[in-house]
Amino acid sequence: MSEFEFRGINHLALVCEDMGRTVDFYEGVLGMPLTKTIQLPGGGQHFFFDCGGGDSLAFFWFPDAPARAPGIASPAGRVDGGDFVTAHGSMNHVAFDVPAERIDEYVERLRAAGVDCTDVANHDDSEFGIAAEPHDGVFVRSIYFMDPDGILLEFAAWQRRLTTDDVRHAPARPISA
């Protein structure tokens, strides 16, 4: 059997409630160019945005889609505001890779655009996984915020290359009843 050759994410497809509002946010606020629009049979739509590196973030809009289900199919809130656990098979959040030297600037740009976001989180291997200040053990710095449909987004900036030393935990298994 041959190996699969992976070159990144072609696209991640999400579902929105209002395609116009989605375009306003992703193109207007975040600056992701709208690159492809598709009108679906039955009145739905499928739009693609360029999120860098040859990758796309796509959205479906279905006229009769069920309402969102925060706390089940998506986090109930940001990681700093409570429960961000989601159901098996759900998507928890989308993290966009951003330049490390611009992460602090991006907090201000988001807030200036009226987007409620976290302060920059300095992710490390400490007990709680976040340090108050950047240090040599911080592997990624990030900002969390929600899109207009309650989709949890993250701007993530790698601080160093990950190595085999970063893989230290055995995978968890559910406890049988």
C-alpha atoms as a PDB file:
ATOM      1  CA  MET A   1       0.000   0.000   0.000  1.00  0.00           C
ATOM      2  CA  SER A   2       1.414   3.405  -0.912  1.00  0.00           C
ATOM      3  CA  GLU A   3       1.640   6.425   1.349  1.00  0.00           C
ATOM      4  CA  PHE A   4      -0.708   9.350   1.004  1.00  0.00           C
ATOM      5  CA  GLU A   5       0.986  12.621   0.111  1.00  0.00           C
ATOM      6  CA  PHE A   6      -0.436  15.454   2.215  1.00  0.00           C
ATOM      7  CA  ARG A   7       0.260  19.038   1.210  1.00  0.00           C
ATOM      8  CA  GLY A   8      -1.902  20.862   3.754  1.00  0.00           C
ATOM      9  CA  ILE A   9      -5.610  21.550   4.055  1.00  0.00           C
ATOM     10  CA  ASN A  10      -7.437  22.090   0.779  1.00  0.00           C
ATOM     11  CA  HIS A  11     -10.437  23.544   2.589  1.00  0.00           C
ATOM     12  CA  LEU A  12     -12.420  23.250   5.776  1.00  0.00           C
ATOM     13  CA  ALA A  13     -16.177  23.542   5.192  1.00  0.00           C
ATOM     14  CA  LEU A  14     -18.355  25.090   7.901  1.00  0.00           C
ATOM     15  CA  VAL A  15     -22.020  26.134   7.950  1.00  0.00           C
ATOM     16  CA  CYS A  16     -23.234  29.712   8.440  1.00  0.00           C
ATOM     17  CA  GLU A  17     -26.634  31.249   9.170  1.00  0.00           C
ATOM     18  CA  ASP A  18     -26.221  34.346   6.966  1.00  0.00           C
ATOM     19  CA  MET A  19     -23.820  34.236   4.002  1.00  0.00           C
ATOM     20  CA  GLY A  20     -23.794  38.036   3.648  1.00  0.00           C
ATOM     21  CA  ARG A  21     -22.768  38.460   7.286  1.00  0.00           C
ATOM     22  CA  THR A  22     -20.140  35.737   6.828  1.00  0.00           C
ATOM     23  CA  VAL A  23     -18.658  37.539   3.797  1.00  0.00           C
ATOM     24  CA  ASP A  24     -18.686  40.828   5.722  1.00  0.00           C
ATOM     25  CA  PHE A  25     -16.739  39.225   8.585  1.00  0.00           C
ATOM     26  CA  TYR A  26     -14.222  37.007   6.793  1.00  0.00           C
ATOM     27  CA  GLU A  27     -13.531  39.326   3.853  1.00  0.00           C
ATOM     28  CA  GLY A  28     -14.296  42.689   5.454  1.00  0.00           C
ATOM     29  CA  VAL A  29     -12.927  42.238   8.981  1.00  0.00           C
ATOM     30  CA  LEU A  30     -10.330  39.453   8.639  1.00  0.00           C
ATOM     31  CA  GLY A  31      -9.279  40.352   5.076  1.00  0.00           C
ATOM     32  CA  MET A  32      -9.649  36.875   3.564  1.00  0.00           C
ATOM     33  CA  PRO A  33     -10.404  37.260  -0.154  1.00  0.00           C
ATOM     34  CA  LEU A  34     -13.568  35.569  -1.399  1.00  0.00           C
ATOM     35  CA  THR A  35     -12.257  33.268  -4.147  1.00  0.00           C
ATOM     36  CA  LYS A  36     -15.175  31.094  -5.275  1.00  0.00           C
ATOM     37  CA  THR A  37     -18.957  31.154  -4.980  1.00  0.00           C
ATOM     38  CA  ILE A  38     -21.315  28.306  -5.828  1.00  0.00           C
ATOM     39  CA  GLN A  39     -25.111  28.390  -5.956  1.00  0.00           C
ATOM     40  CA  LEU A  40     -26.396  24.983  -4.849  1.00  0.00           C
ATOM     41  CA  PRO A  41     -29.523  23.240  -6.101  1.00  0.00           C
ATOM     42  CA  GLY A  42     -32.396  24.019  -3.751  1.00  0.00           C
ATOM     43  CA  GLY A  43     -31.188  27.540  -2.984  1.00  0.00           C
ATOM     44  CA  GLY A  44     -28.120  26.853  -0.841  1.00  0.00           C
ATOM     45  CA  GLN A  45     -24.687  28.391  -1.318  1.00  0.00           C
ATOM     46  CA  HIS A  46     -21.038  27.323  -0.905  1.00  0.00           C
ATOM     47  CA  PHE A  47     -18.430  30.132  -0.697  1.00  0.00           C
ATOM     48  CA  PHE A  48     -14.635  29.834  -0.409  1.00  0.00           C
ATOM     49  CA  PHE A  49     -12.196  32.275   1.231  1.00  0.00           C
ATOM     50  CA  ASP A  50      -8.400  32.284   0.825  1.00  0.00           C
ATOM     51  CA  CYS A  51      -6.899  31.770   4.289  1.00  0.00           C
ATOM     52  CA  GLY A  52      -3.278  31.704   3.087  1.00  0.00           C
ATOM     53  CA  GLY A  53      -0.755  29.083   2.087  1.00  0.00           C
ATOM     54  CA  GLY A  54      -2.967  27.817  -0.714  1.00  0.00           C
ATOM     55  CA  ASP A  55      -5.637  26.762   1.799  1.00  0.00           C
ATOM     56  CA  SER A  56      -9.290  27.780   1.888  1.00  0.00           C
ATOM     57  CA  LEU A  57     -11.980  28.206   4.501  1.00  0.00           C
ATOM     58  CA  ALA A  58     -15.379  27.445   3.012  1.00  0.00           C
ATOM     59  CA  PHE A  59     -18.938  27.994   4.191  1.00  0.00           C
ATOM     60  CA  PHE A  60     -22.199  26.362   3.285  1.00  0.00           C
ATOM     61  CA  TRP A  61     -25.474  28.187   3.692  1.00  0.00           C
ATOM     62  CA  PHE A  62     -28.578  26.001   3.658  1.00  0.00           C
ATOM     63  CA  PRO A  63     -32.000  27.700   3.688  1.00  0.00           C
ATOM     64  CA  ASP A  64     -33.495  25.119   6.088  1.00  0.00           C
ATOM     65  CA  ALA A  65     -30.467  24.219   8.231  1.00  0.00           C
ATOM     66  CA  PRO A  66     -31.087  23.467  11.919  1.00  0.00           C
ATOM     67  CA  ALA A  67     -30.207  26.194  14.432  1.00  0.00           C
ATOM     68  CA  ARG A  68     -26.753  26.207  15.980  1.00  0.00           C
ATOM     69  CA  ALA A  69     -26.151  24.115  19.089  1.00  0.00           C
ATOM     70  CA  PRO A  70     -23.537  25.828  21.315  1.00  0.00           C
ATOM     71  CA  GLY A  71     -22.068  23.460  23.864  1.00  0.00           C
ATOM     72  CA  ILE A  72     -22.819  20.475  21.614  1.00  0.00           C
ATOM     73  CA  ALA A  73     -21.714  21.069  18.013  1.00  0.00           C
ATOM     74  CA  SER A  74     -19.604  24.116  18.880  1.00  0.00           C
ATOM     75  CA  PRO A  75     -18.092  25.564  22.053  1.00  0.00           C
ATOM     76  CA  ALA A  76     -20.477  27.463  24.311  1.00  0.00           C
ATOM     77  CA  GLY A  77     -17.904  30.275  24.469  1.00  0.00           C
ATOM     78  CA  ARG A  78     -14.265  31.233  24.199  1.00  0.00           C
ATOM     79  CA  VAL A  79     -11.607  29.234  26.015  1.00  0.00           C
ATOM     80  CA  ASP A  80     -11.247  32.014  28.603  1.00  0.00           C
ATOM     81  CA  GLY A  81     -14.959  32.272  29.378  1.00  0.00           C
ATOM     82  CA  GLY A  82     -16.076  28.840  30.396  1.00  0.00           C
ATOM     83  CA  ASP A  83     -16.840  25.498  28.898  1.00  0.00           C
ATOM     84  CA  PHE A  84     -15.334  24.897  25.454  1.00  0.00           C
ATOM     85  CA  VAL A  85     -15.965  21.125  25.401  1.00  0.00           C
ATOM     86  CA  THR A  86     -17.858  19.895  22.335  1.00  0.00           C
ATOM     87  CA  ALA A  87     -19.489  16.608  21.326  1.00  0.00           C
ATOM     88  CA  HIS A  88     -17.690  13.706  19.677  1.00  0.00           C
ATOM     89  CA  GLY A  89     -17.472  14.281  15.934  1.00  0.00           C
ATOM     90  CA  SER A  90     -17.912  18.050  16.263  1.00  0.00           C
ATOM     91  CA  MET A  91     -15.492  20.776  15.240  1.00  0.00           C
ATOM     92  CA  ASN A  92     -14.129  22.674  18.224  1.00  0.00           C
ATOM     93  CA  HIS A  93     -12.304  25.591  16.572  1.00  0.00           C
ATOM     94  CA  VAL A  94     -10.350  26.768  13.534  1.00  0.00           C
ATOM     95  CA  ALA A  95      -6.800  28.018  14.122  1.00  0.00           C
ATOM     96  CA  PHE A  96      -5.177  30.241  11.497  1.00  0.00           C
ATOM     97  CA  ASP A  97      -1.376  30.378  11.355  1.00  0.00           C
ATOM     98  CA  VAL A  98      -0.196  33.990  11.721  1.00  0.00           C
ATOM     99  CA  PRO A  99       3.270  35.575  11.921  1.00  0.00           C
ATOM    100  CA  ALA A 100       4.742  35.430  15.430  1.00  0.00           C
ATOM    101  CA  GLU A 101       6.004  39.005  15.231  1.00  0.00           C
ATOM    102  CA  ARG A 102       2.478  40.335  14.579  1.00  0.00           C
ATOM    103  CA  ILE A 103       0.387  38.464  17.171  1.00  0.00           C
ATOM    104  CA  ASP A 104       0.258  41.372  19.649  1.00  0.00           C
ATOM    105  CA  GLU A 105      -0.707  43.790  16.866  1.00  0.00           C
ATOM    106  CA  TYR A 106      -3.536  41.470  15.808  1.00  0.00           C
ATOM    107  CA  VAL A 107      -5.248  41.792  19.208  1.00  0.00           C
ATOM    108  CA  GLU A 108      -5.472  45.545  18.686  1.00  0.00           C
ATOM    109  CA  ARG A 109      -6.634  45.180  15.069  1.00  0.00           C
ATOM    110  CA  LEU A 110      -9.407  42.772  16.048  1.00  0.00           C
ATOM    111  CA  ARG A 111     -10.578  44.990  18.901  1.00  0.00           C
ATOM    112  CA  ALA A 112     -10.481  48.077  16.649  1.00  0.00           C
ATOM    113  CA  ALA A 113     -12.808  46.201  14.278  1.00  0.00           C
ATOM    114  CA  GLY A 114     -15.224  45.534  17.156  1.00  0.00           C
ATOM    115  CA  VAL A 115     -14.275  41.873  17.605  1.00  0.00           C
ATOM    116  CA  ASP A 116     -14.271  40.694  21.239  1.00  0.00           C
ATOM    117  CA  CYS A 117     -11.083  38.646  21.606  1.00  0.00           C
ATOM    118  CA  THR A 118      -8.879  37.248  24.329  1.00  0.00           C
ATOM    119  CA  ASP A 119      -5.538  38.653  25.313  1.00  0.00           C
ATOM    120  CA  VAL A 120      -2.612  36.721  23.815  1.00  0.00           C
ATOM    121  CA  ALA A 121      -2.282  33.291  25.459  1.00  0.00           C
ATOM    122  CA  ASN A 122       1.278  31.980  25.925  1.00  0.00           C
ATOM    123  CA  HIS A 123       0.842  28.199  25.614  1.00  0.00           C
ATOM    124  CA  ASP A 124       3.496  26.160  27.423  1.00  0.00           C
ATOM    125  CA  ASP A 125       3.841  22.807  29.188  1.00  0.00           C
ATOM    126  CA  SER A 126       3.094  24.127  32.680  1.00  0.00           C
ATOM    127  CA  GLU A 127       0.317  22.653  34.846  1.00  0.00           C
ATOM    128  CA  PHE A 128      -2.353  24.965  33.395  1.00  0.00           C
ATOM    129  CA  GLY A 129      -0.809  25.185  29.908  1.00  0.00           C
ATOM    130  CA  ILE A 130      -0.624  28.982  29.774  1.00  0.00           C
ATOM    131  CA  ALA A 131       2.049  31.324  31.092  1.00  0.00           C
ATOM    132  CA  ALA A 132       1.515  34.954  32.094  1.00  0.00           C
ATOM    133  CA  GLU A 133       4.492  36.060  29.980  1.00  0.00           C
ATOM    134  CA  PRO A 134       6.356  34.646  26.966  1.00  0.00           C
ATOM    135  CA  HIS A 135       9.401  32.486  27.847  1.00  0.00           C
ATOM    136  CA  ASP A 136      11.586  29.863  26.143  1.00  0.00           C
ATOM    137  CA  GLY A 137       9.083  27.076  26.926  1.00  0.00           C
ATOM    138  CA  VAL A 138       6.200  28.769  25.088  1.00  0.00           C
ATOM    139  CA  PHE A 139       5.550  26.810  21.880  1.00  0.00           C
ATOM    140  CA  VAL A 140       2.640  28.848  20.484  1.00  0.00           C
ATOM    141  CA  ARG A 141       1.000  32.189  21.266  1.00  0.00           C
ATOM    142  CA  SER A 142      -2.629  32.673  20.323  1.00  0.00           C
ATOM    143  CA  ILE A 143      -5.755  34.827  20.379  1.00  0.00           C
ATOM    144  CA  TYR A 144      -9.292  33.412  20.515  1.00  0.00           C
ATOM    145  CA  PHE A 145     -12.499  35.004  19.222  1.00  0.00           C
ATOM    146  CA  MET A 146     -15.898  34.034  17.813  1.00  0.00           C
ATOM    147  CA  ASP A 147     -17.230  34.648  14.321  1.00  0.00           C
ATOM    148  CA  PRO A 148     -20.800  35.937  13.859  1.00  0.00           C
ATOM    149  CA  ASP A 149     -22.151  32.350  13.877  1.00  0.00           C
ATOM    150  CA  GLY A 150     -20.438  31.459  17.155  1.00  0.00           C
ATOM    151  CA  ILE A 151     -17.600  29.527  15.487  1.00  0.00           C
ATOM    152  CA  LEU A 152     -14.542  29.640  17.741  1.00  0.00           C
ATOM    153  CA  LEU A 153     -11.524  30.995  15.835  1.00  0.00           C
ATOM    154  CA  GLU A 154      -7.876  31.257  16.843  1.00  0.00           C
ATOM    155  CA  PHE A 155      -4.932  33.192  15.486  1.00  0.00           C
ATOM    156  CA  ALA A 156      -1.951  30.965  16.365  1.00  0.00           C
ATOM    157  CA  ALA A 157       1.725  31.901  16.051  1.00  0.00           C
ATOM    158  CA  TRP A 158       4.307  29.130  16.447  1.00  0.00           C
ATOM    159  CA  GLN A 159       7.218  30.191  18.630  1.00  0.00           C
ATOM    160  CA  ARG A 160       9.498  27.250  17.865  1.00  0.00           C
ATOM    161  CA  ARG A 161       9.639  24.059  15.838  1.00  0.00           C
ATOM    162  CA  LEU A 162       8.040  21.089  17.554  1.00  0.00           C
ATOM    163  CA  THR A 163      10.261  18.041  18.113  1.00  0.00           C
ATOM    164  CA  THR A 164       9.817  14.415  19.185  1.00  0.00           C
ATOM    165  CA  ASP A 165      10.252  15.672  22.780  1.00  0.00           C
ATOM    166  CA  ASP A 166       6.858  17.381  22.413  1.00  0.00           C
ATOM    167  CA  VAL A 167       5.098  13.990  22.108  1.00  0.00           C
ATOM    168  CA  ARG A 168       4.982  12.717  25.707  1.00  0.00           C
ATOM    169  CA  HIS A 169       1.465  11.523  26.485  1.00  0.00           C
ATOM    170  CA  ALA A 170      -0.274   8.234  25.791  1.00  0.00           C
ATOM    171  CA  PRO A 171      -3.638   8.574  24.042  1.00  0.00           C
ATOM    172  CA  ALA A 172      -6.641   8.464  26.395  1.00  0.00           C
ATOM    173  CA  ARG A 173      -9.241   5.733  26.092  1.00  0.00           C
ATOM    174  CA  PRO A 174     -12.862   5.959  27.308  1.00  0.00           C
ATOM    175  CA  ILE A 175     -13.618   4.179  30.558  1.00  0.00           C
ATOM    176  CA  SER A 176     -15.900   1.200  29.901  1.00  0.00           C
ATOM    177  CA  ALA A 177     -19.221   1.219  31.716  1.00  0.00           C
END
